[in-house]
Amino acid sequence: MTRTRTRLGETRTSTRALADTQRRKIVVRRRWRIAKSRVTDAWHATTQAITPLGWFVLAVMVTGIVLGATLSWVEAWFVAVAGVALLVVALPFLIGSRAYHVQILLDRPSVVAGGAVDAMIHVENRGTRPALPAVAELPVGPALRELTIPFIGPHSEVDLPARVPAPHRGLIQIGPLTVARRDPLSLLRREVTWPEKHLVHVHPETAALPPNSAGLVRDLEGTASRRLTDSDLSFYAVREYAPGDAMRHVHWKSTAKTGTLMVRQYEESQTARVAVLFDARREEYASDSEFELGVSVAASISVQAVREGRERFVASAWAPGRVRPSVDGLEELPSQDPQQLLNAWAELEAAPEGLPFEALAAGLAHSRRPLSIVAIVTGSVPELSRIRRACVAFDPNVHVLAVRCEEHAEPRVQRADSLTVFTVGALVDLPQLMLRSAS
């Protein structure tokens, strides 16, 4: 039924039959899209379930059927029937689902280079039926570990140990774990992946440095600043009590003499403000192992400063792909605690486009950071003249410690005014050089 009406010169035509037809078309299109999506997913799952060997058997089977039908070859029909039999026998191994619940458990989130992490794969069968043996694939960094899951009864569980070696500094991703089901001939394969994954930080080797050695950190009883505070070690004077002052700072002798409540006032002691500057350019080192030696030396010095509670600034040359560089080309490493700092050293990579350490030192010197100790760690390629030029930018009151990492070299100490140069051939040389420089 069609009706036409005019309102204020505007003609409108509406039809209920046309609306019903459009509605049917929309429903048909929607159902077609759903059916097409389901068929596509089923086809994708089927093709993914066939292994390369299964595709070969399937191709031989189809070829046998074609040759048997066209040329009436009995041998071709025999090959086709054998292929069908193999696929039929393999199919029951993939039918049904397994109610697995999988967890990856690590004994620790970080490890020192050269160590290992013990992982435990906890597999639980939450179903009411027993689960047949399966194969679990666990990615460990670039490698792939295969673990065999044994027969598990209903509502039972099993733990699969896996040891993860960490020979080199860096990051190791463990997971996600995939449980694969396949037939004995490996013609068909079905996978289920759990998204859980862990990131293991492989820390560089570090050396335990002696405290307060080589001027790396200064005594709290060192030079007092001109800033006054209510609690420190250097006594300055007494003043009248003000609301909020702690009663433990009351100076009772002065209070008795003046008749007014008096409290102690102190000068704030000057503690060492340490900056550790690591030369992350690979071309400044003779080999990859020498680069890793430099990382270990810089990590040892910076971790020592963190453990002693010193104000510090730990940085390296900026590497593309990491955080945005600062104006002076430095990338600051987080150092709230030793664990966080060692994690940052584990993630550090070479900076192929980083600035030379002379430019980084100049930027650090002009950054207006209150520094008293600067440690520059570089490789064996830079000459001593380059190190001296880098140290000229700093104030004469700033003590500069330059460490040249040269594999298998004899440890030695060189001094020139406020500059001290260490030559380190192995990580064990660093504590000895600290003690020798302090003596």
Foldseek 3Di string as FASTA:
>chain_A
DKDWDDDPNDIDIDDPVVVVVVVVVVVVVVVVVVVVVVVVVVVVQVVVFFDPVLVVLVVLLVVLVVCCVPVVDPVSPVSNVVSVVVVVVWVVQPPDDFQKDWDKDWPDQEEAAFAKIKIKIKIFGQDQAKDAKWWKWKAKAPDIDIDIDHIAGHGGMDIDIDIGHHNDFAKIKIDFMKIWTTGPVRRTIHIDTDGDMGIHGHFYAADAADPPFLVLKHDQPPDFDPDKDQDGDAWDAKDADDPPRDPVQWDVVVCVVVVGTIGTMGTGGDIAAEEEEEEQAPVQAPDPVLSSQLLRHSLRSLQSCQVVPHHYWYWYADAPPDDDADPLRIDTQDPNHSVSRRSSSSHDHGHNPGDGVLSSLLCVQPVPDDHAEYEYGTEDRDDPVSVVSSVVNHDLNHAYEYEYEDAPDDWDWDDDRSYIYIYDRGNVVVNVVRNVSRD
